[in-house]
Amino acid sequence: MINVLVQTNEDKLIKRVNVSGHANYAVAGSDIVCAAVSAVMYQTVGLLGKVCKSYSFKEDEKTATMNIEIFETNEITNIVLENLVETLCSIEKEYKKYLKVKIEVRR
């Protein structure tokens, strides 16, 4: 299962998105759930590169992790991240056995 942890601050601004695990929907190379999650993460990182001054993106194929952390947010940055979360939640609705999205407020 792919686990997604979205961390927001008290103002509901998304500060971090951590993705880990494999969906195991199908064999590697044919797994549409993994492909969808990867695609939306890479698209988000591409957009962040255009609208965000300070962020970090780390990925590790060996541990099956992808992490986005925002150090300096703005309205556009948060719209991009809200779109990411909405898309991941849409995937989760269709593939509940393979993807879990959790949203957590950090104080």
N, C-alpha and C. Protein backbone atom coordinates (compact mmCIF):
# COMPACT_ATOMS: atom_id res chain seq x y z
N MET A 1 0.84 -1.18 0.00
CA MET A 1 0.00 0.00 0.00
C MET A 1 0.89 1.24 0.00
N ILE A 2 0.43 2.26 -0.72
CA ILE A 2 1.09 3.56 -0.70
C ILE A 2 0.44 4.37 0.41
N ASN A 3 1.28 4.94 1.28
CA ASN A 3 0.80 5.81 2.35
C ASN A 3 1.26 7.22 2.06
N VAL A 4 0.31 8.16 2.15
CA VAL A 4 0.61 9.58 1.95
C VAL A 4 0.28 10.30 3.24
N LEU A 5 1.25 11.07 3.74
CA LEU A 5 1.03 11.91 4.91
C LEU A 5 1.18 13.36 4.47
N VAL A 6 0.10 14.11 4.62
CA VAL A 6 0.08 15.53 4.30
C VAL A 6 0.09 16.29 5.61
N GLN A 7 1.07 17.17 5.79
CA GLN A 7 1.15 17.94 7.02
C GLN A 7 0.89 19.42 6.70
N THR A 8 -0.05 19.98 7.46
CA THR A 8 -0.38 21.39 7.31
C THR A 8 -0.04 22.12 8.61
N ASN A 9 0.02 23.45 8.52
CA ASN A 9 0.17 24.22 9.75
C ASN A 9 -1.22 24.63 10.24
N GLU A 10 -1.28 25.38 11.31
CA GLU A 10 -2.57 25.77 11.89
C GLU A 10 -3.39 26.63 10.94
N ASP A 11 -2.73 27.30 10.00
CA ASP A 11 -3.42 28.13 9.01
C ASP A 11 -3.88 27.32 7.80
N LYS A 12 -3.74 26.00 7.87
CA LYS A 12 -4.13 25.06 6.82
C LYS A 12 -3.28 25.20 5.56
N LEU A 13 -2.08 25.72 5.70
CA LEU A 13 -1.14 25.76 4.59
C LEU A 13 -0.36 24.46 4.58
N ILE A 14 -0.27 23.83 3.43
CA ILE A 14 0.42 22.55 3.32
C ILE A 14 1.92 22.79 3.38
N LYS A 15 2.58 22.12 4.30
CA LYS A 15 4.02 22.30 4.50
C LYS A 15 4.84 21.10 4.05
N ARG A 16 4.22 19.91 4.05
CA ARG A 16 4.98 18.70 3.73
C ARG A 16 4.04 17.63 3.18
N VAL A 17 4.54 16.89 2.19
CA VAL A 17 3.83 15.73 1.66
C VAL A 17 4.84 14.59 1.58
N ASN A 18 4.56 13.52 2.30
CA ASN A 18 5.44 12.34 2.31
C ASN A 18 4.68 11.16 1.71
N VAL A 19 5.29 10.52 0.72
CA VAL A 19 4.70 9.35 0.06
C VAL A 19 5.64 8.18 0.29
N SER A 20 5.09 7.04 0.69
CA SER A 20 5.94 5.87 0.89
C SER A 20 5.20 4.59 0.55
N GLY A 21 5.97 3.62 0.08
CA GLY A 21 5.43 2.30 -0.18
C GLY A 21 5.09 2.05 -1.63
N HIS A 22 4.69 0.81 -1.89
CA HIS A 22 4.27 0.37 -3.21
C HIS A 22 2.80 -0.01 -3.14
N ALA A 23 2.07 0.28 -4.19
CA ALA A 23 0.65 -0.05 -4.21
C ALA A 23 0.41 -1.55 -4.29
N ASN A 24 1.25 -2.26 -5.06
CA ASN A 24 1.06 -3.69 -5.31
C ASN A 24 -0.27 -3.98 -5.99
N TYR A 25 -0.72 -3.04 -6.81
CA TYR A 25 -1.93 -3.24 -7.60
C TYR A 25 -1.66 -4.23 -8.73
N ALA A 26 -0.44 -4.12 -9.28
CA ALA A 26 -0.02 -5.01 -10.37
C ALA A 26 1.49 -5.15 -10.29
N VAL A 27 2.07 -5.96 -11.16
CA VAL A 27 3.52 -6.15 -11.16
C VAL A 27 4.21 -4.84 -11.50
N ALA A 28 5.44 -4.71 -11.02
CA ALA A 28 6.23 -3.51 -11.30
C ALA A 28 6.27 -3.24 -12.80
N GLY A 29 6.07 -1.99 -13.16
CA GLY A 29 6.05 -1.63 -14.56
C GLY A 29 4.65 -1.60 -15.15
N SER A 30 3.70 -2.23 -14.46
CA SER A 30 2.31 -2.26 -14.93
C SER A 30 1.34 -1.73 -13.88
N ASP A 31 1.86 -1.21 -12.79
CA ASP A 31 1.04 -0.78 -11.66
C ASP A 31 0.51 0.64 -11.92
N ILE A 32 -0.78 0.73 -12.27
CA ILE A 32 -1.35 2.03 -12.60
C ILE A 32 -1.50 2.94 -11.39
N VAL A 33 -1.63 2.38 -10.20
CA VAL A 33 -1.75 3.21 -9.00
C VAL A 33 -0.41 3.87 -8.71
N CYS A 34 0.67 3.10 -8.73
CA CYS A 34 2.00 3.68 -8.53
C CYS A 34 2.30 4.72 -9.61
N ALA A 35 1.94 4.41 -10.83
CA ALA A 35 2.21 5.34 -11.93
C ALA A 35 1.44 6.64 -11.75
N ALA A 36 0.19 6.55 -11.32
CA ALA A 36 -0.61 7.75 -11.12
C ALA A 36 -0.05 8.62 -10.00
N VAL A 37 0.32 8.00 -8.89
CA VAL A 37 0.88 8.75 -7.76
C VAL A 37 2.21 9.39 -8.16
N SER A 38 3.06 8.65 -8.82
CA SER A 38 4.34 9.20 -9.26
C SER A 38 4.14 10.37 -10.22
N ALA A 39 3.23 10.21 -11.16
CA ALA A 39 3.00 11.26 -12.15
C ALA A 39 2.52 12.55 -11.50
N VAL A 40 1.58 12.45 -10.58
CA VAL A 40 1.06 13.66 -9.95
C VAL A 40 2.11 14.29 -9.04
N MET A 41 2.94 13.48 -8.41
CA MET A 41 4.03 14.04 -7.59
C MET A 41 5.04 14.79 -8.47
N TYR A 42 5.47 14.18 -9.58
CA TYR A 42 6.43 14.84 -10.46
C TYR A 42 5.85 16.09 -11.10
N GLN A 43 4.59 16.06 -11.45
CA GLN A 43 3.95 17.25 -12.01
C GLN A 43 3.94 18.38 -10.98
N THR A 44 3.63 18.04 -9.74
CA THR A 44 3.60 19.03 -8.67
C THR A 44 4.98 19.64 -8.45
N VAL A 45 6.00 18.81 -8.45
CA VAL A 45 7.36 19.30 -8.27
C VAL A 45 7.73 20.24 -9.42
N GLY A 46 7.34 19.90 -10.63
CA GLY A 46 7.60 20.77 -11.76
C GLY A 46 6.94 22.13 -11.61
N LEU A 47 5.69 22.14 -11.14
CA LEU A 47 5.00 23.40 -10.91
C LEU A 47 5.62 24.18 -9.76
N LEU A 48 5.99 23.48 -8.70
CA LEU A 48 6.62 24.17 -7.57
C LEU A 48 7.90 24.88 -8.00
N GLY A 49 8.64 24.26 -8.89
CA GLY A 49 9.86 24.88 -9.39
C GLY A 49 9.61 26.22 -10.06
N LYS A 50 8.39 26.45 -10.51
CA LYS A 50 8.05 27.70 -11.19
C LYS A 50 7.43 28.73 -10.27
N VAL A 51 6.87 28.29 -9.12
CA VAL A 51 6.12 29.24 -8.28
C VAL A 51 6.60 29.33 -6.83
N CYS A 52 7.53 28.49 -6.44
CA CYS A 52 7.95 28.45 -5.04
C CYS A 52 9.44 28.77 -4.92
N LYS A 53 9.76 29.68 -4.04
CA LYS A 53 11.15 30.10 -3.88
C LYS A 53 11.98 29.11 -3.08
N SER A 54 11.34 28.42 -2.14
CA SER A 54 12.13 27.58 -1.24
C SER A 54 11.37 26.30 -0.87
N TYR A 55 11.82 25.19 -1.47
CA TYR A 55 11.22 23.89 -1.18
C TYR A 55 12.28 22.81 -1.39
N SER A 56 11.94 21.60 -0.94
CA SER A 56 12.83 20.47 -1.11
C SER A 56 12.03 19.30 -1.66
N PHE A 57 12.62 18.57 -2.60
CA PHE A 57 12.02 17.34 -3.10
C PHE A 57 13.08 16.26 -3.02
N LYS A 58 12.73 15.17 -2.35
CA LYS A 58 13.64 14.03 -2.23
C LYS A 58 12.88 12.77 -2.63
N GLU A 59 13.58 11.91 -3.33
CA GLU A 59 13.00 10.62 -3.68
C GLU A 59 14.06 9.54 -3.54
N ASP A 60 13.59 8.35 -3.24
CA ASP A 60 14.50 7.22 -3.09
C ASP A 60 13.78 5.97 -3.58
N GLU A 61 14.21 5.47 -4.72
CA GLU A 61 13.56 4.27 -5.29
C GLU A 61 13.75 3.05 -4.40
N LYS A 62 14.89 2.94 -3.74
CA LYS A 62 15.15 1.77 -2.89
C LYS A 62 14.18 1.67 -1.73
N THR A 63 13.84 2.82 -1.13
CA THR A 63 12.91 2.82 0.00
C THR A 63 11.49 3.19 -0.42
N ALA A 64 11.29 3.42 -1.71
CA ALA A 64 9.98 3.78 -2.27
C ALA A 64 9.38 4.99 -1.55
N THR A 65 10.16 6.07 -1.51
CA THR A 65 9.68 7.29 -0.86
C THR A 65 9.85 8.51 -1.76
N MET A 66 8.94 9.45 -1.59
CA MET A 66 9.00 10.75 -2.24
C MET A 66 8.54 11.76 -1.20
N ASN A 67 9.30 12.85 -1.05
CA ASN A 67 8.96 13.84 -0.04
C ASN A 67 9.09 15.24 -0.60
N ILE A 68 8.04 16.04 -0.37
CA ILE A 68 8.07 17.46 -0.71
C ILE A 68 7.95 18.22 0.60
N GLU A 69 8.84 19.19 0.79
CA GLU A 69 8.76 20.05 1.97
C GLU A 69 8.84 21.50 1.51
N ILE A 70 7.92 22.32 2.01
CA ILE A 70 7.86 23.73 1.64
C ILE A 70 8.45 24.56 2.78
N PHE A 71 9.43 25.38 2.43
CA PHE A 71 10.07 26.24 3.44
C PHE A 71 9.51 27.66 3.39
N GLU A 72 9.08 28.09 2.21
CA GLU A 72 8.53 29.43 2.05
C GLU A 72 7.30 29.32 1.15
N THR A 73 6.13 29.48 1.73
CA THR A 73 4.89 29.27 0.99
C THR A 73 4.28 30.59 0.55
N ASN A 74 3.41 30.50 -0.43
CA ASN A 74 2.62 31.64 -0.86
C ASN A 74 1.28 31.09 -1.35
N GLU A 75 0.39 31.95 -1.78
CA GLU A 75 -0.94 31.51 -2.18
C GLU A 75 -0.89 30.52 -3.35
N ILE A 76 -0.05 30.78 -4.32
CA ILE A 76 0.04 29.91 -5.49
C ILE A 76 0.63 28.56 -5.10
N THR A 77 1.66 28.58 -4.27
CA THR A 77 2.26 27.33 -3.81
C THR A 77 1.20 26.46 -3.14
N ASN A 78 0.38 27.06 -2.31
CA ASN A 78 -0.62 26.27 -1.61
C ASN A 78 -1.69 25.75 -2.56
N ILE A 79 -2.04 26.52 -3.58
CA ILE A 79 -3.01 26.04 -4.58
C ILE A 79 -2.44 24.81 -5.29
N VAL A 80 -1.17 24.85 -5.65
CA VAL A 80 -0.52 23.71 -6.31
C VAL A 80 -0.58 22.48 -5.40
N LEU A 81 -0.27 22.66 -4.12
CA LEU A 81 -0.27 21.54 -3.18
C LEU A 81 -1.68 21.05 -2.87
N GLU A 82 -2.65 21.96 -2.80
CA GLU A 82 -4.03 21.53 -2.60
C GLU A 82 -4.50 20.68 -3.78
N ASN A 83 -4.09 21.06 -4.98
CA ASN A 83 -4.43 20.27 -6.16
C ASN A 83 -3.82 18.87 -6.07
N LEU A 84 -2.57 18.79 -5.61
CA LEU A 84 -1.92 17.49 -5.41
C LEU A 84 -2.74 16.63 -4.45
N VAL A 85 -3.11 17.20 -3.32
CA VAL A 85 -3.85 16.44 -2.31
C VAL A 85 -5.22 16.01 -2.84
N GLU A 86 -5.92 16.91 -3.54
CA GLU A 86 -7.22 16.55 -4.11
C GLU A 86 -7.08 15.41 -5.11
N THR A 87 -6.04 15.45 -5.92
CA THR A 87 -5.82 14.39 -6.90
C THR A 87 -5.51 13.07 -6.21
N LEU A 88 -4.64 13.10 -5.20
CA LEU A 88 -4.32 11.88 -4.46
C LEU A 88 -5.56 11.31 -3.77
N CYS A 89 -6.40 12.18 -3.22
CA CYS A 89 -7.64 11.72 -2.58
C CYS A 89 -8.60 11.11 -3.60
N SER A 90 -8.62 11.64 -4.81
CA SER A 90 -9.45 11.06 -5.87
C SER A 90 -8.96 9.66 -6.24
N ILE A 91 -7.65 9.50 -6.32
CA ILE A 91 -7.09 8.18 -6.60
C ILE A 91 -7.43 7.23 -5.46
N GLU A 92 -7.32 7.73 -4.23
CA GLU A 92 -7.63 6.91 -3.07
C GLU A 92 -9.08 6.40 -3.10
N LYS A 93 -10.01 7.24 -3.52
CA LYS A 93 -11.42 6.83 -3.58
C LYS A 93 -11.62 5.63 -4.51
N GLU A 94 -10.87 5.60 -5.60
CA GLU A 94 -11.01 4.51 -6.57
C GLU A 94 -10.20 3.27 -6.19
N TYR A 95 -9.13 3.46 -5.43
CA TYR A 95 -8.20 2.36 -5.14
C TYR A 95 -7.89 2.30 -3.64
N LYS A 96 -8.92 2.18 -2.81
CA LYS A 96 -8.77 2.22 -1.36
C LYS A 96 -7.84 1.16 -0.79
N LYS A 97 -7.76 0.02 -1.44
CA LYS A 97 -6.89 -1.06 -0.96
C LYS A 97 -5.41 -0.77 -1.21
N TYR A 98 -5.14 0.22 -2.06
CA TYR A 98 -3.77 0.43 -2.53
C TYR A 98 -3.17 1.78 -2.17
N LEU A 99 -4.01 2.72 -1.69
CA LEU A 99 -3.55 4.07 -1.39
C LEU A 99 -4.31 4.62 -0.20
N LYS A 100 -3.58 5.18 0.76
CA LYS A 100 -4.18 5.80 1.95
C LYS A 100 -3.58 7.19 2.12
N VAL A 101 -4.46 8.21 2.17
CA VAL A 101 -4.04 9.60 2.36
C VAL A 101 -4.47 10.03 3.75
N LYS A 102 -3.52 10.56 4.51
CA LYS A 102 -3.80 11.07 5.86
C LYS A 102 -3.37 12.52 5.91
N ILE A 103 -4.23 13.38 6.47
CA ILE A 103 -3.92 14.80 6.61
C ILE A 103 -3.79 15.10 8.09
N GLU A 104 -2.70 15.76 8.44
CA GLU A 104 -2.36 16.00 9.85
C GLU A 104 -1.99 17.48 10.02
N VAL A 105 -2.55 18.10 11.06
CA VAL A 105 -2.20 19.49 11.39
C VAL A 105 -1.06 19.47 12.39
N ARG A 106 0.02 20.16 12.04
CA ARG A 106 1.17 20.27 12.95
C ARG A 106 1.16 21.63 13.59
N ARG A 107 1.33 21.64 14.87
CA ARG A 107 1.31 22.93 15.61
C ARG A 107 2.69 23.39 15.94
